[in-house]
Amino acid sequence: MLKVGKKFKLIVFVKLCRNNVRCNLLQIGEPSVTTPLHIREAAVKAMEDGFTHYTSNPGISSVRESIARKMKRDFNVEVPINRIIISAGAVSALNM
């Protein structure tokens, strides 16, 4: 068993996977297509409007509330906002 600090466990895991150790590697993916223009334009507008700071750990409250409304509307499932987490990927969510 490798003994490493918590900070470096993911790095060690990725290296083991690259060396053909049997594992499931969950890491950042690289899109195969260019981000659509309307999304890039929205990102520029958000930055110009000052939306450039980190969010709270579980994500932006208004977005989480929208997700809760969508779950109710589309699936008739009530999900409390404190049960909704928005993250940049699986690793971020699993670490919360």
C-alpha atoms as a PDB file:
ATOM      1  CA  MET A   1       0.000   0.000   0.000  1.00  0.00           C
ATOM      2  CA  LEU A   2       1.335   3.403  -0.965  1.00  0.00           C
ATOM      3  CA  LYS A   3       1.469   5.926   1.839  1.00  0.00           C
ATOM      4  CA  VAL A   4       1.001   9.428   0.525  1.00  0.00           C
ATOM      5  CA  GLY A   5      -0.546  12.617   1.805  1.00  0.00           C
ATOM      6  CA  LYS A   6      -4.208  13.225   1.000  1.00  0.00           C
ATOM      7  CA  LYS A   7      -3.257  16.016  -1.389  1.00  0.00           C
ATOM      8  CA  PHE A   8      -1.330  13.630  -3.644  1.00  0.00           C
ATOM      9  CA  LYS A   9      -3.595  10.562  -3.676  1.00  0.00           C
ATOM     10  CA  LEU A  10      -5.232  11.520  -6.967  1.00  0.00           C
ATOM     11  CA  ILE A  11      -1.862  12.109  -8.629  1.00  0.00           C
ATOM     12  CA  VAL A  12      -0.623   8.688  -7.501  1.00  0.00           C
ATOM     13  CA  PHE A  13      -3.874   7.075  -8.666  1.00  0.00           C
ATOM     14  CA  VAL A  14      -3.580   8.649 -12.143  1.00  0.00           C
ATOM     15  CA  LYS A  15       0.028   7.454 -12.435  1.00  0.00           C
ATOM     16  CA  LEU A  16      -0.958   3.921 -11.437  1.00  0.00           C
ATOM     17  CA  CYS A  17      -3.705   3.914 -14.066  1.00  0.00           C
ATOM     18  CA  ARG A  18      -1.315   5.122 -16.727  1.00  0.00           C
ATOM     19  CA  ASN A  19       0.973   2.214 -15.812  1.00  0.00           C
ATOM     20  CA  ASN A  20      -1.839  -0.232 -16.606  1.00  0.00           C
ATOM     21  CA  VAL A  21      -2.784  -0.984 -13.016  1.00  0.00           C
ATOM     22  CA  ARG A  22      -6.405  -2.170 -13.114  1.00  0.00           C
ATOM     23  CA  CYS A  23      -8.539   0.830 -12.126  1.00  0.00           C
ATOM     24  CA  ASN A  24     -11.242   3.183 -13.310  1.00  0.00           C
ATOM     25  CA  LEU A  25      -9.762   6.579 -14.064  1.00  0.00           C
ATOM     26  CA  LEU A  26     -12.114   9.506 -13.551  1.00  0.00           C
ATOM     27  CA  GLN A  27     -10.385  12.659 -14.662  1.00  0.00           C
ATOM     28  CA  ILE A  28     -10.849  15.828 -16.633  1.00  0.00           C
ATOM     29  CA  GLY A  29     -12.084  15.138 -20.133  1.00  0.00           C
ATOM     30  CA  GLU A  30     -11.237  17.190 -23.179  1.00  0.00           C
ATOM     31  CA  PRO A  31     -14.246  17.991 -25.363  1.00  0.00           C
ATOM     32  CA  SER A  32     -13.992  16.843 -28.968  1.00  0.00           C
ATOM     33  CA  VAL A  33     -15.882  19.904 -30.237  1.00  0.00           C
ATOM     34  CA  THR A  34     -15.464  23.660 -29.893  1.00  0.00           C
ATOM     35  CA  THR A  35     -17.720  25.292 -27.291  1.00  0.00           C
ATOM     36  CA  PRO A  36     -20.723  26.798 -29.153  1.00  0.00           C
ATOM     37  CA  LEU A  37     -20.551  30.539 -29.838  1.00  0.00           C
ATOM     38  CA  HIS A  38     -23.587  31.455 -27.688  1.00  0.00           C
ATOM     39  CA  ILE A  39     -21.968  29.822 -24.653  1.00  0.00           C
ATOM     40  CA  ARG A  40     -18.650  31.605 -25.235  1.00  0.00           C
ATOM     41  CA  GLU A  41     -20.501  34.914 -25.638  1.00  0.00           C
ATOM     42  CA  ALA A  42     -22.427  34.304 -22.398  1.00  0.00           C
ATOM     43  CA  ALA A  43     -19.131  33.606 -20.592  1.00  0.00           C
ATOM     44  CA  VAL A  44     -17.638  36.887 -21.862  1.00  0.00           C
ATOM     45  CA  LYS A  45     -20.767  38.819 -20.812  1.00  0.00           C
ATOM     46  CA  ALA A  46     -20.682  37.245 -17.340  1.00  0.00           C
ATOM     47  CA  MET A  47     -17.045  38.305 -16.909  1.00  0.00           C
ATOM     48  CA  GLU A  48     -17.791  41.812 -18.150  1.00  0.00           C
ATOM     49  CA  ASP A  49     -20.660  41.977 -15.631  1.00  0.00           C
ATOM     50  CA  GLY A  50     -18.216  41.158 -12.820  1.00  0.00           C
ATOM     51  CA  PHE A  51     -19.216  37.512 -12.373  1.00  0.00           C
ATOM     52  CA  THR A  52     -15.610  36.441 -11.814  1.00  0.00           C
ATOM     53  CA  HIS A  53     -15.465  35.089  -8.271  1.00  0.00           C
ATOM     54  CA  TYR A  54     -15.693  31.598  -6.826  1.00  0.00           C
ATOM     55  CA  THR A  55     -19.139  30.310  -5.928  1.00  0.00           C
ATOM     56  CA  SER A  56     -20.115  28.628  -2.689  1.00  0.00           C
ATOM     57  CA  ASN A  57     -19.006  24.979  -2.519  1.00  0.00           C
ATOM     58  CA  PRO A  58     -22.385  23.452  -3.456  1.00  0.00           C
ATOM     59  CA  GLY A  59     -22.891  25.901  -6.347  1.00  0.00           C
ATOM     60  CA  ILE A  60     -24.878  29.025  -7.157  1.00  0.00           C
ATOM     61  CA  SER A  61     -28.125  29.049  -5.147  1.00  0.00           C
ATOM     62  CA  SER A  62     -30.314  30.348  -7.994  1.00  0.00           C
ATOM     63  CA  VAL A  63     -29.079  27.560 -10.297  1.00  0.00           C
ATOM     64  CA  ARG A  64     -29.682  24.926  -7.609  1.00  0.00           C
ATOM     65  CA  GLU A  65     -33.196  26.327  -7.105  1.00  0.00           C
ATOM     66  CA  SER A  66     -33.824  26.083 -10.864  1.00  0.00           C
ATOM     67  CA  ILE A  67     -32.704  22.462 -10.830  1.00  0.00           C
ATOM     68  CA  ALA A  68     -35.079  21.733  -7.943  1.00  0.00           C
ATOM     69  CA  ARG A  69     -37.968  23.329  -9.893  1.00  0.00           C
ATOM     70  CA  LYS A  70     -37.075  21.317 -13.004  1.00  0.00           C
ATOM     71  CA  MET A  71     -37.000  18.063 -11.017  1.00  0.00           C
ATOM     72  CA  LYS A  72     -40.477  18.840  -9.672  1.00  0.00           C
ATOM     73  CA  ARG A  73     -41.867  19.962 -13.043  1.00  0.00           C
ATOM     74  CA  ASP A  74     -40.364  17.207 -15.229  1.00  0.00           C
ATOM     75  CA  PHE A  75     -40.269  14.248 -12.849  1.00  0.00           C
ATOM     76  CA  ASN A  76     -42.658  15.208 -10.022  1.00  0.00           C
ATOM     77  CA  VAL A  77     -39.791  14.738  -7.566  1.00  0.00           C
ATOM     78  CA  GLU A  78     -39.209  17.245  -4.771  1.00  0.00           C
ATOM     79  CA  VAL A  79     -35.522  17.708  -4.096  1.00  0.00           C
ATOM     80  CA  PRO A  80     -34.509  20.126  -1.320  1.00  0.00           C
ATOM     81  CA  ILE A  81     -31.899  22.632  -2.492  1.00  0.00           C
ATOM     82  CA  ASN A  82     -29.498  21.419   0.200  1.00  0.00           C
ATOM     83  CA  ARG A  83     -29.441  18.035  -1.600  1.00  0.00           C
ATOM     84  CA  ILE A  84     -28.332  19.579  -4.910  1.00  0.00           C
ATOM     85  CA  ILE A  85     -24.629  20.082  -5.607  1.00  0.00           C
ATOM     86  CA  ILE A  86     -23.145  21.569  -8.762  1.00  0.00           C
ATOM     87  CA  SER A  87     -19.508  20.751  -9.355  1.00  0.00           C
ATOM     88  CA  ALA A  88     -16.924  20.965 -12.095  1.00  0.00           C
ATOM     89  CA  GLY A  89     -16.633  17.190 -12.175  1.00  0.00           C
ATOM     90  CA  ALA A  90     -16.923  13.896 -10.350  1.00  0.00           C
ATOM     91  CA  VAL A  91     -13.781  14.316  -8.255  1.00  0.00           C
ATOM     92  CA  SER A  92     -14.954  17.672  -6.905  1.00  0.00           C
ATOM     93  CA  ALA A  93     -18.365  16.264  -6.010  1.00  0.00           C
ATOM     94  CA  LEU A  94     -16.962  13.136  -4.395  1.00  0.00           C
ATOM     95  CA  ASN A  95     -14.654  15.213  -2.197  1.00  0.00           C
ATOM     96  CA  MET A  96     -17.580  17.210  -0.706  1.00  0.00           C
END
